[in-house]
Amino acid sequence: MKSFKDLGVTYKPADGKKRFEGNLTPLGNLQNCKVTIVDFETDIKTKQGEGRYVVQYEMDGQKGKFITASEEMKNILDQIKEMNELPFETVIKRETFGGNKTKYVFS
């Protein structure tokens, strides 16, 4: 009889979306931090809305994830994936625009 480990069976979500390990981190907590963007999943629905991305990152040897609705971040992630350049290192920066509005960007 085989052990479960030897069977090589893993959970496959019905929605086909990836599930990332690590705690969910607000982007503000990653501000000015050097992180490695490992992977991401598109078209995620949250309490705040649809069409978001969940992004897996590593920092100081720990895995985590954040959610973004930023069209700029989503577009950049899509371009990097097309270039087959995942994972990549970046620093998350906060920028102010339009008076009092802020956004987070890769730098």
PDB file of N, CA and C in Angstrom:
ATOM      1  N   MET A   1       0.849  -1.170   0.000  1.00  0.00           N
ATOM      2  CA  MET A   1       0.000   0.000   0.000  1.00  0.00           C
ATOM      3  C   MET A   1       0.905   1.247   0.000  1.00  0.00           C
ATOM      4  N   LYS A   2       0.567   2.223  -0.840  1.00  0.00           N
ATOM      5  CA  LYS A   2       1.328   3.466  -0.913  1.00  0.00           C
ATOM      6  C   LYS A   2       0.887   4.427   0.178  1.00  0.00           C
ATOM      7  N   SER A   3       1.810   5.284   0.574  1.00  0.00           N
ATOM      8  CA  SER A   3       1.464   6.357   1.511  1.00  0.00           C
ATOM      9  C   SER A   3       0.871   7.512   0.708  1.00  0.00           C
ATOM     10  N   PHE A   4       0.158   8.372   1.381  1.00  0.00           N
ATOM     11  CA  PHE A   4      -0.428   9.538   0.716  1.00  0.00           C
ATOM     12  C   PHE A   4       0.654  10.355   0.024  1.00  0.00           C
ATOM     13  N   LYS A   5       1.786  10.535   0.688  1.00  0.00           N
ATOM     14  CA  LYS A   5       2.889  11.320   0.121  1.00  0.00           C
ATOM     15  C   LYS A   5       3.352  10.734  -1.216  1.00  0.00           C
ATOM     16  N   ASP A   6       3.423   9.411  -1.292  1.00  0.00           N
ATOM     17  CA  ASP A   6       3.882   8.755  -2.520  1.00  0.00           C
ATOM     18  C   ASP A   6       2.879   8.851  -3.668  1.00  0.00           C
ATOM     19  N   LEU A   7       1.619   9.093  -3.355  1.00  0.00           N
ATOM     20  CA  LEU A   7       0.604   9.210  -4.408  1.00  0.00           C
ATOM     21  C   LEU A   7       0.749  10.481  -5.226  1.00  0.00           C
ATOM     22  N   GLY A   8       1.338  11.524  -4.643  1.00  0.00           N
ATOM     23  CA  GLY A   8       1.556  12.780  -5.374  1.00  0.00           C
ATOM     24  C   GLY A   8       0.294  13.534  -5.702  1.00  0.00           C
ATOM     25  N   VAL A   9      -0.752  13.354  -4.930  1.00  0.00           N
ATOM     26  CA  VAL A   9      -2.026  14.022  -5.166  1.00  0.00           C
ATOM     27  C   VAL A   9      -2.023  15.360  -4.418  1.00  0.00           C
ATOM     28  N   THR A  10      -2.461  16.405  -5.108  1.00  0.00           N
ATOM     29  CA  THR A  10      -2.564  17.729  -4.483  1.00  0.00           C
ATOM     30  C   THR A  10      -3.946  18.311  -4.750  1.00  0.00           C
ATOM     31  N   TYR A  11      -4.302  19.267  -3.938  1.00  0.00           N
ATOM     32  CA  TYR A  11      -5.583  19.959  -4.082  1.00  0.00           C
ATOM     33  C   TYR A  11      -5.584  20.784  -5.360  1.00  0.00           C
ATOM     34  N   LYS A  12      -6.651  20.654  -6.145  1.00  0.00           N
ATOM     35  CA  LYS A  12      -6.832  21.449  -7.356  1.00  0.00           C
ATOM     36  C   LYS A  12      -8.139  22.210  -7.204  1.00  0.00           C
ATOM     37  N   PRO A  13      -8.043  23.530  -6.913  1.00  0.00           N
ATOM     38  CA  PRO A  13      -9.257  24.323  -6.704  1.00  0.00           C
ATOM     39  C   PRO A  13     -10.168  24.307  -7.931  1.00  0.00           C
ATOM     40  N   ALA A  14     -11.461  24.278  -7.694  1.00  0.00           N
ATOM     41  CA  ALA A  14     -12.453  24.243  -8.776  1.00  0.00           C
ATOM     42  C   ALA A  14     -12.354  25.467  -9.681  1.00  0.00           C
ATOM     43  N   ASP A  15     -11.948  26.618  -9.108  1.00  0.00           N
ATOM     44  CA  ASP A  15     -11.851  27.840  -9.917  1.00  0.00           C
ATOM     45  C   ASP A  15     -10.547  27.927 -10.702  1.00  0.00           C
ATOM     46  N   GLY A  16      -9.626  26.972 -10.486  1.00  0.00           N
ATOM     47  CA  GLY A  16      -8.366  26.956 -11.226  1.00  0.00           C
ATOM     48  C   GLY A  16      -7.357  28.003 -10.789  1.00  0.00           C
ATOM     49  N   LYS A  17      -7.659  28.758  -9.756  1.00  0.00           N
ATOM     50  CA  LYS A  17      -6.774  29.822  -9.278  1.00  0.00           C
ATOM     51  C   LYS A  17      -5.696  29.263  -8.357  1.00  0.00           C
ATOM     52  N   LYS A  18      -4.524  29.901  -8.398  1.00  0.00           N
ATOM     53  CA  LYS A  18      -3.434  29.517  -7.512  1.00  0.00           C
ATOM     54  C   LYS A  18      -3.744  29.978  -6.095  1.00  0.00           C
ATOM     55  N   ARG A  19      -3.249  29.223  -5.140  1.00  0.00           N
ATOM     56  CA  ARG A  19      -3.355  29.581  -3.726  1.00  0.00           C
ATOM     57  C   ARG A  19      -1.942  29.806  -3.218  1.00  0.00           C
ATOM     58  N   PHE A  20      -1.681  30.959  -2.636  1.00  0.00           N
ATOM     59  CA  PHE A  20      -0.344  31.300  -2.177  1.00  0.00           C
ATOM     60  C   PHE A  20      -0.234  31.197  -0.668  1.00  0.00           C
ATOM     61  N   GLU A  21       0.911  30.701  -0.223  1.00  0.00           N
ATOM     62  CA  GLU A  21       1.143  30.607   1.211  1.00  0.00           C
ATOM     63  C   GLU A  21       1.629  31.948   1.752  1.00  0.00           C
ATOM     64  N   GLY A  22       1.556  32.089   3.057  1.00  0.00           N
ATOM     65  CA  GLY A  22       2.002  33.314   3.710  1.00  0.00           C
ATOM     66  C   GLY A  22       0.833  34.180   4.118  1.00  0.00           C
ATOM     67  N   ASN A  23       1.128  35.134   4.979  1.00  0.00           N
ATOM     68  CA  ASN A  23       0.102  36.053   5.479  1.00  0.00           C
ATOM     69  C   ASN A  23      -0.227  37.127   4.456  1.00  0.00           C
ATOM     70  N   LEU A  24      -1.462  37.594   4.481  1.00  0.00           N
ATOM     71  CA  LEU A  24      -1.894  38.710   3.647  1.00  0.00           C
ATOM     72  C   LEU A  24      -1.378  39.999   4.282  1.00  0.00           C
ATOM     73  N   THR A  25      -0.641  40.789   3.504  1.00  0.00           N
ATOM     74  CA  THR A  25       0.013  41.986   3.998  1.00  0.00           C
ATOM     75  C   THR A  25      -0.550  43.226   3.306  1.00  0.00           C
ATOM     76  N   PRO A  26      -0.940  44.258   4.059  1.00  0.00           N
ATOM     77  CA  PRO A  26      -1.312  45.524   3.414  1.00  0.00           C
ATOM     78  C   PRO A  26      -0.098  46.118   2.699  1.00  0.00           C
ATOM     79  N   LEU A  27      -0.314  46.687   1.521  1.00  0.00           N
ATOM     80  CA  LEU A  27       0.801  47.257   0.761  1.00  0.00           C
ATOM     81  C   LEU A  27       1.551  48.317   1.554  1.00  0.00           C
ATOM     82  N   GLY A  28       0.863  49.060   2.395  1.00  0.00           N
ATOM     83  CA  GLY A  28       1.515  50.078   3.214  1.00  0.00           C
ATOM     84  C   GLY A  28       2.596  49.504   4.113  1.00  0.00           C
ATOM     85  N   ASN A  29       2.429  48.243   4.515  1.00  0.00           N
ATOM     86  CA  ASN A  29       3.436  47.592   5.359  1.00  0.00           C
ATOM     87  C   ASN A  29       4.685  47.201   4.580  1.00  0.00           C
ATOM     88  N   LEU A  30       4.593  47.212   3.256  1.00  0.00           N
ATOM     89  CA  LEU A  30       5.740  46.864   2.412  1.00  0.00           C
ATOM     90  C   LEU A  30       6.431  48.096   1.840  1.00  0.00           C
ATOM     91  N   GLN A  31       5.944  49.260   2.192  1.00  0.00           N
ATOM     92  CA  GLN A  31       6.484  50.515   1.665  1.00  0.00           C
ATOM     93  C   GLN A  31       7.972  50.626   1.995  1.00  0.00           C
ATOM     94  N   ASN A  32       8.772  50.944   0.973  1.00  0.00           N
ATOM     95  CA  ASN A  32      10.223  51.110   1.065  1.00  0.00           C
ATOM     96  C   ASN A  32      10.957  49.822   1.425  1.00  0.00           C
ATOM     97  N   CYS A  33      10.319  48.697   1.197  1.00  0.00           N
ATOM     98  CA  CYS A  33      10.938  47.400   1.476  1.00  0.00           C
ATOM     99  C   CYS A  33      11.356  46.729   0.167  1.00  0.00           C
ATOM    100  N   LYS A  34      12.532  46.081   0.203  1.00  0.00           N
ATOM    101  CA  LYS A  34      12.986  45.303  -0.943  1.00  0.00           C
ATOM    102  C   LYS A  34      12.345  43.925  -0.857  1.00  0.00           C
ATOM    103  N   VAL A  35      11.601  43.558  -1.887  1.00  0.00           N
ATOM    104  CA  VAL A  35      10.906  42.279  -1.924  1.00  0.00           C
ATOM    105  C   VAL A  35      11.212  41.575  -3.249  1.00  0.00           C
ATOM    106  N   THR A  36      11.014  40.279  -3.253  1.00  0.00           N
ATOM    107  CA  THR A  36      11.090  39.498  -4.481  1.00  0.00           C
ATOM    108  C   THR A  36       9.671  39.093  -4.843  1.00  0.00           C
ATOM    109  N   ILE A  37       9.219  39.527  -5.998  1.00  0.00           N
ATOM    110  CA  ILE A  37       7.902  39.141  -6.494  1.00  0.00           C
ATOM    111  C   ILE A  37       8.058  37.764  -7.133  1.00  0.00           C
ATOM    112  N   VAL A  38       7.357  36.780  -6.579  1.00  0.00           N
ATOM    113  CA  VAL A  38       7.524  35.392  -6.983  1.00  0.00           C
ATOM    114  C   VAL A  38       6.507  34.984  -8.047  1.00  0.00           C
ATOM    115  N   ASP A  39       5.238  35.340  -7.828  1.00  0.00           N
ATOM    116  CA  ASP A  39       4.171  34.906  -8.728  1.00  0.00           C
ATOM    117  C   ASP A  39       2.935  35.751  -8.441  1.00  0.00           C
ATOM    118  N   PHE A  40       1.922  35.622  -9.285  1.00  0.00           N
ATOM    119  CA  PHE A  40       0.662  36.327  -9.043  1.00  0.00           C
ATOM    120  C   PHE A  40      -0.472  35.601  -9.724  1.00  0.00           C
ATOM    121  N   GLU A  41      -1.674  35.914  -9.268  1.00  0.00           N
ATOM    122  CA  GLU A  41      -2.894  35.364  -9.854  1.00  0.00           C
ATOM    123  C   GLU A  41      -3.798  36.526 -10.215  1.00  0.00           C
ATOM    124  N   THR A  42      -4.465  36.422 -11.362  1.00  0.00           N
ATOM    125  CA  THR A  42      -5.285  37.509 -11.880  1.00  0.00           C
ATOM    126  C   THR A  42      -6.764  37.289 -11.578  1.00  0.00           C
ATOM    127  N   ASP A  43      -7.519  38.351 -11.764  1.00  0.00           N
ATOM    128  CA  ASP A  43      -8.981  38.311 -11.714  1.00  0.00           C
ATOM    129  C   ASP A  43      -9.527  37.696 -10.423  1.00  0.00           C
ATOM    130  N   ILE A  44      -9.073  38.257  -9.306  1.00  0.00           N
ATOM    131  CA  ILE A  44      -9.499  37.809  -7.985  1.00  0.00           C
ATOM    132  C   ILE A  44     -10.623  38.713  -7.485  1.00  0.00           C
ATOM    133  N   LYS A  45     -11.648  38.122  -6.909  1.00  0.00           N
ATOM    134  CA  LYS A  45     -12.757  38.866  -6.332  1.00  0.00           C
ATOM    135  C   LYS A  45     -12.572  38.930  -4.817  1.00  0.00           C
ATOM    136  N   THR A  46     -12.635  40.151  -4.264  1.00  0.00           N
ATOM    137  CA  THR A  46     -12.533  40.352  -2.819  1.00  0.00           C
ATOM    138  C   THR A  46     -13.748  41.150  -2.353  1.00  0.00           C
ATOM    139  N   LYS A  47     -13.811  41.416  -1.064  1.00  0.00           N
ATOM    140  CA  LYS A  47     -14.892  42.245  -0.512  1.00  0.00           C
ATOM    141  C   LYS A  47     -14.874  43.643  -1.114  1.00  0.00           C
ATOM    142  N   GLN A  48     -13.678  44.105  -1.525  1.00  0.00           N
ATOM    143  CA  GLN A  48     -13.538  45.453  -2.077  1.00  0.00           C
ATOM    144  C   GLN A  48     -13.844  45.528  -3.568  1.00  0.00           C
ATOM    145  N   GLY A  49     -13.986  44.387  -4.226  1.00  0.00           N
ATOM    146  CA  GLY A  49     -14.314  44.422  -5.648  1.00  0.00           C
ATOM    147  C   GLY A  49     -13.703  43.266  -6.427  1.00  0.00           C
ATOM    148  N   GLU A  50     -13.916  43.309  -7.731  1.00  0.00           N
ATOM    149  CA  GLU A  50     -13.441  42.263  -8.642  1.00  0.00           C
ATOM    150  C   GLU A  50     -12.235  42.741  -9.431  1.00  0.00           C
ATOM    151  N   GLY A  51     -11.619  41.816 -10.169  1.00  0.00           N
ATOM    152  CA  GLY A  51     -10.535  42.166 -11.078  1.00  0.00           C
ATOM    153  C   GLY A  51      -9.216  42.481 -10.391  1.00  0.00           C
ATOM    154  N   ARG A  52      -9.038  42.050  -9.179  1.00  0.00           N
ATOM    155  CA  ARG A  52      -7.805  42.322  -8.439  1.00  0.00           C
ATOM    156  C   ARG A  52      -6.777  41.218  -8.688  1.00  0.00           C
ATOM    157  N   TYR A  53      -5.530  41.515  -8.359  1.00  0.00           N
ATOM    158  CA  TYR A  53      -4.459  40.529  -8.437  1.00  0.00           C
ATOM    159  C   TYR A  53      -3.994  40.206  -7.021  1.00  0.00           C
ATOM    160  N   VAL A  54      -3.721  38.948  -6.763  1.00  0.00           N
ATOM    161  CA  VAL A  54      -3.047  38.567  -5.523  1.00  0.00           C
ATOM    162  C   VAL A  54      -1.607  38.229  -5.921  1.00  0.00           C
ATOM    163  N   VAL A  55      -0.661  38.811  -5.196  1.00  0.00           N
ATOM    164  CA  VAL A  55       0.755  38.732  -5.556  1.00  0.00           C
ATOM    165  C   VAL A  55       1.516  38.048  -4.425  1.00  0.00           C
ATOM    166  N   GLN A  56       2.278  37.006  -4.757  1.00  0.00           N
ATOM    167  CA  GLN A  56       3.117  36.367  -3.756  1.00  0.00           C
ATOM    168  C   GLN A  56       4.505  36.985  -3.808  1.00  0.00           C
ATOM    169  N   TYR A  57       5.025  37.304  -2.616  1.00  0.00           N
ATOM    170  CA  TYR A  57       6.356  37.896  -2.514  1.00  0.00           C
ATOM    171  C   TYR A  57       7.146  37.164  -1.434  1.00  0.00           C
ATOM    172  N   GLU A  58       8.451  37.387  -1.456  1.00  0.00           N
ATOM    173  CA  GLU A  58       9.333  36.930  -0.393  1.00  0.00           C
ATOM    174  C   GLU A  58      10.125  38.116   0.112  1.00  0.00           C
ATOM    175  N   MET A  59      10.283  38.163   1.424  1.00  0.00           N
ATOM    176  CA  MET A  59      11.086  39.212   2.041  1.00  0.00           C
ATOM    177  C   MET A  59      11.743  38.608   3.275  1.00  0.00           C
ATOM    178  N   ASP A  60      13.042  38.740   3.347  1.00  0.00           N
ATOM    179  CA  ASP A  60      13.809  38.200   4.477  1.00  0.00           C
ATOM    180  C   ASP A  60      13.527  36.710   4.692  1.00  0.00           C
ATOM    181  N   GLY A  61      13.399  35.957   3.599  1.00  0.00           N
ATOM    182  CA  GLY A  61      13.187  34.529   3.682  1.00  0.00           C
ATOM    183  C   GLY A  61      11.767  34.098   4.016  1.00  0.00           C
ATOM    184  N   GLN A  62      10.858  35.065   4.170  1.00  0.00           N
ATOM    185  CA  GLN A  62       9.467  34.761   4.507  1.00  0.00           C
ATOM    186  C   GLN A  62       8.571  35.018   3.299  1.00  0.00           C
ATOM    187  N   LYS A  63       7.600  34.127   3.080  1.00  0.00           N
ATOM    188  CA  LYS A  63       6.636  34.325   2.000  1.00  0.00           C
ATOM    189  C   LYS A  63       5.426  35.082   2.538  1.00  0.00           C
ATOM    190  N   GLY A  64       4.870  35.917   1.679  1.00  0.00           N
ATOM    191  CA  GLY A  64       3.657  36.641   2.004  1.00  0.00           C
ATOM    192  C   GLY A  64       2.913  36.947   0.726  1.00  0.00           C
ATOM    193  N   LYS A  65       1.795  37.632   0.865  1.00  0.00           N
ATOM    194  CA  LYS A  65       1.009  37.998  -0.316  1.00  0.00           C
ATOM    195  C   LYS A  65       0.318  39.320  -0.060  1.00  0.00           C
ATOM    196  N   PHE A  66       0.067  40.035  -1.150  1.00  0.00           N
ATOM    197  CA  PHE A  66      -0.725  41.258  -1.079  1.00  0.00           C
ATOM    198  C   PHE A  66      -1.691  41.278  -2.244  1.00  0.00           C
ATOM    199  N   ILE A  67      -2.717  42.101  -2.100  1.00  0.00           N
ATOM    200  CA  ILE A  67      -3.734  42.239  -3.148  1.00  0.00           C
ATOM    201  C   ILE A  67      -3.664  43.648  -3.689  1.00  0.00           C
ATOM    202  N   THR A  68      -3.748  43.764  -5.007  1.00  0.00           N
ATOM    203  CA  THR A  68      -3.729  45.085  -5.622  1.00  0.00           C
ATOM    204  C   THR A  68      -4.827  45.208  -6.677  1.00  0.00           C
ATOM    205  N   ALA A  69      -5.385  46.409  -6.751  1.00  0.00           N
ATOM    206  CA  ALA A  69      -6.328  46.763  -7.811  1.00  0.00           C
ATOM    207  C   ALA A  69      -5.699  47.798  -8.738  1.00  0.00           C
ATOM    208  N   SER A  70      -4.447  48.149  -8.481  1.00  0.00           N
ATOM    209  CA  SER A  70      -3.738  49.166  -9.255  1.00  0.00           C
ATOM    210  C   SER A  70      -3.562  48.713 -10.707  1.00  0.00           C
ATOM    211  N   GLU A  71      -4.138  49.472 -11.621  1.00  0.00           N
ATOM    212  CA  GLU A  71      -3.985  49.157 -13.038  1.00  0.00           C
ATOM    213  C   GLU A  71      -2.517  49.216 -13.449  1.00  0.00           C
ATOM    214  N   GLU A  72      -1.762  50.132 -12.858  1.00  0.00           N
ATOM    215  CA  GLU A  72      -0.339  50.259 -13.172  1.00  0.00           C
ATOM    216  C   GLU A  72       0.417  49.004 -12.734  1.00  0.00           C
ATOM    217  N   MET A  73       0.215  48.573 -11.503  1.00  0.00           N
ATOM    218  CA  MET A  73       0.894  47.368 -11.013  1.00  0.00           C
ATOM    219  C   MET A  73       0.470  46.139 -11.816  1.00  0.00           C
ATOM    220  N   LYS A  74      -0.817  46.024 -12.094  1.00  0.00           N
ATOM    221  CA  LYS A  74      -1.318  44.872 -12.836  1.00  0.00           C
ATOM    222  C   LYS A  74      -0.705  44.822 -14.235  1.00  0.00           C
ATOM    223  N   ASN A  75      -0.629  45.964 -14.894  1.00  0.00           N
ATOM    224  CA  ASN A  75      -0.055  46.038 -16.233  1.00  0.00           C
ATOM    225  C   ASN A  75       1.419  45.654 -16.218  1.00  0.00           C
ATOM    226  N   ILE A  76       2.161  46.156 -15.240  1.00  0.00           N
ATOM    227  CA  ILE A  76       3.583  45.837 -15.136  1.00  0.00           C
ATOM    228  C   ILE A  76       3.776  44.346 -14.867  1.00  0.00           C
ATOM    229  N   LEU A  77       2.979  43.781 -13.963  1.00  0.00           N
ATOM    230  CA  LEU A  77       3.074  42.342 -13.691  1.00  0.00           C
ATOM    231  C   LEU A  77       2.805  41.527 -14.951  1.00  0.00           C
ATOM    232  N   ASP A  78       1.783  41.906 -15.717  1.00  0.00           N
ATOM    233  CA  ASP A  78       1.463  41.197 -16.959  1.00  0.00           C
ATOM    234  C   ASP A  78       2.633  41.250 -17.938  1.00  0.00           C
ATOM    235  N   GLN A  79       3.264  42.435 -18.066  1.00  0.00           N
ATOM    236  CA  GLN A  79       4.401  42.578 -18.974  1.00  0.00           C
ATOM    237  C   GLN A  79       5.576  41.710 -18.547  1.00  0.00           C
ATOM    238  N   ILE A  80       5.862  41.692 -17.246  1.00  0.00           N
ATOM    239  CA  ILE A  80       6.986  40.911 -16.735  1.00  0.00           C
ATOM    240  C   ILE A  80       6.734  39.423 -16.932  1.00  0.00           C
ATOM    241  N   LYS A  81       5.479  38.993 -16.746  1.00  0.00           N
ATOM    242  CA  LYS A  81       5.152  37.580 -16.968  1.00  0.00           C
ATOM    243  C   LYS A  81       5.340  37.205 -18.438  1.00  0.00           C
ATOM    244  N   GLU A  82       4.928  38.081 -19.352  1.00  0.00           N
ATOM    245  CA  GLU A  82       5.104  37.838 -20.788  1.00  0.00           C
ATOM    246  C   GLU A  82       6.581  37.717 -21.147  1.00  0.00           C
ATOM    247  N   MET A  83       7.422  38.459 -20.438  1.00  0.00           N
ATOM    248  CA  MET A  83       8.868  38.435 -20.672  1.00  0.00           C
ATOM    249  C   MET A  83       9.533  37.231 -19.996  1.00  0.00           C
ATOM    250  N   ASN A  84       8.753  36.429 -19.257  1.00  0.00           N
ATOM    251  CA  ASN A  84       9.284  35.293 -18.495  1.00  0.00           C
ATOM    252  C   ASN A  84      10.365  35.721 -17.514  1.00  0.00           C
ATOM    253  N   GLU A  85      10.122  36.838 -16.823  1.00  0.00           N
ATOM    254  CA  GLU A  85      11.111  37.384 -15.890  1.00  0.00           C
ATOM    255  C   GLU A  85      10.704  37.258 -14.426  1.00  0.00           C
ATOM    256  N   LEU A  86       9.741  36.375 -14.139  1.00  0.00           N
ATOM    257  CA  LEU A  86       9.398  36.100 -12.746  1.00  0.00           C
ATOM    258  C   LEU A  86      10.351  35.042 -12.217  1.00  0.00           C
ATOM    259  N   PRO A  87      10.833  35.142 -11.029  1.00  0.00           N
ATOM    260  CA  PRO A  87      10.664  36.214 -10.045  1.00  0.00           C
ATOM    261  C   PRO A  87      11.567  37.417 -10.364  1.00  0.00           C
ATOM    262  N   PHE A  88      11.248  38.565  -9.722  1.00  0.00           N
ATOM    263  CA  PHE A  88      12.072  39.762  -9.865  1.00  0.00           C
ATOM    264  C   PHE A  88      12.098  40.515  -8.544  1.00  0.00           C
ATOM    265  N   GLU A  89      13.162  41.282  -8.341  1.00  0.00           N
ATOM    266  CA  GLU A  89      13.310  42.084  -7.127  1.00  0.00           C
ATOM    267  C   GLU A  89      12.833  43.498  -7.381  1.00  0.00           C
ATOM    268  N   THR A  90      12.262  44.101  -6.351  1.00  0.00           N
ATOM    269  CA  THR A  90      11.774  45.466  -6.458  1.00  0.00           C
ATOM    270  C   THR A  90      11.657  46.075  -5.062  1.00  0.00           C
ATOM    271  N   VAL A  91      11.481  47.373  -5.036  1.00  0.00           N
ATOM    272  CA  VAL A  91      11.150  48.086  -3.804  1.00  0.00           C
ATOM    273  C   VAL A  91       9.772  48.694  -4.025  1.00  0.00           C
ATOM    274  N   ILE A  92       8.865  48.482  -3.086  1.00  0.00           N
ATOM    275  CA  ILE A  92       7.521  49.052  -3.170  1.00  0.00           C
ATOM    276  C   ILE A  92       7.590  50.491  -2.678  1.00  0.00           C
ATOM    277  N   LYS A  93       7.209  51.429  -3.516  1.00  0.00           N
ATOM    278  CA  LYS A  93       7.231  52.853  -3.159  1.00  0.00           C
ATOM    279  C   LYS A  93       5.814  53.407  -3.135  1.00  0.00           C
ATOM    280  N   ARG A  94       5.609  54.394  -2.311  1.00  0.00           N
ATOM    281  CA  ARG A  94       4.324  55.092  -2.237  1.00  0.00           C
ATOM    282  C   ARG A  94       4.493  56.448  -2.910  1.00  0.00           C
ATOM    283  N   GLU A  95       3.610  56.750  -3.844  1.00  0.00           N
ATOM    284  CA  GLU A  95       3.639  58.024  -4.559  1.00  0.00           C
ATOM    285  C   GLU A  95       2.341  58.774  -4.318  1.00  0.00           C
ATOM    286  N   THR A  96       2.464  60.082  -4.209  1.00  0.00           N
ATOM    287  CA  THR A  96       1.303  60.946  -4.051  1.00  0.00           C
ATOM    288  C   THR A  96       0.976  61.562  -5.404  1.00  0.00           C
ATOM    289  N   PHE A  97      -0.318  61.618  -5.727  1.00  0.00           N
ATOM    290  CA  PHE A  97      -0.748  62.222  -6.983  1.00  0.00           C
ATOM    291  C   PHE A  97      -2.115  62.857  -6.773  1.00  0.00           C
ATOM    292  N   GLY A  98      -2.464  63.778  -7.644  1.00  0.00           N
ATOM    293  CA  GLY A  98      -3.795  64.389  -7.607  1.00  0.00           C
ATOM    294  C   GLY A  98      -4.161  64.993  -6.262  1.00  0.00           C
ATOM    295  N   GLY A  99      -3.205  65.645  -5.631  1.00  0.00           N
ATOM    296  CA  GLY A  99      -3.494  66.264  -4.344  1.00  0.00           C
ATOM    297  C   GLY A  99      -3.197  65.340  -3.185  1.00  0.00           C
ATOM    298  N   ASN A 100      -4.226  64.682  -2.675  1.00  0.00           N
ATOM    299  CA  ASN A 100      -4.054  63.835  -1.490  1.00  0.00           C
ATOM    300  C   ASN A 100      -4.131  62.342  -1.776  1.00  0.00           C
ATOM    301  N   LYS A 101      -4.218  61.944  -3.044  1.00  0.00           N
ATOM    302  CA  LYS A 101      -4.323  60.522  -3.372  1.00  0.00           C
ATOM    303  C   LYS A 101      -2.934  59.882  -3.377  1.00  0.00           C
ATOM    304  N   THR A 102      -2.869  58.618  -2.994  1.00  0.00           N
ATOM    305  CA  THR A 102      -1.603  57.893  -3.025  1.00  0.00           C
ATOM    306  C   THR A 102      -1.776  56.591  -3.780  1.00  0.00           C
ATOM    307  N   LYS A 103      -0.651  56.103  -4.282  1.00  0.00           N
ATOM    308  CA  LYS A 103      -0.627  54.801  -4.946  1.00  0.00           C
ATOM    309  C   LYS A 103       0.712  54.147  -4.640  1.00  0.00           C
ATOM    310  N   TYR A 104       0.752  52.843  -4.785  1.00  0.00           N
ATOM    311  CA  TYR A 104       1.975  52.093  -4.583  1.00  0.00           C
ATOM    312  C   TYR A 104       2.490  51.626  -5.938  1.00  0.00           C
ATOM    313  N   VAL A 105       3.802  51.700  -6.102  1.00  0.00           N
ATOM    314  CA  VAL A 105       4.419  51.350  -7.384  1.00  0.00           C
ATOM    315  C   VAL A 105       5.664  50.507  -7.140  1.00  0.00           C
ATOM    316  N   PHE A 106       6.054  49.748  -8.172  1.00  0.00           N
ATOM    317  CA  PHE A 106       7.327  49.041  -8.163  1.00  0.00           C
ATOM    318  C   PHE A 106       8.409  50.022  -8.566  1.00  0.00           C
ATOM    319  N   SER A 107       9.563  49.935  -7.945  1.00  0.00           N
ATOM    320  CA  SER A 107      10.676  50.817  -8.365  1.00  0.00           C
ATOM    321  C   SER A 107      11.963  50.034  -8.423  1.00  0.00           C
TER     322      SER A 107
END
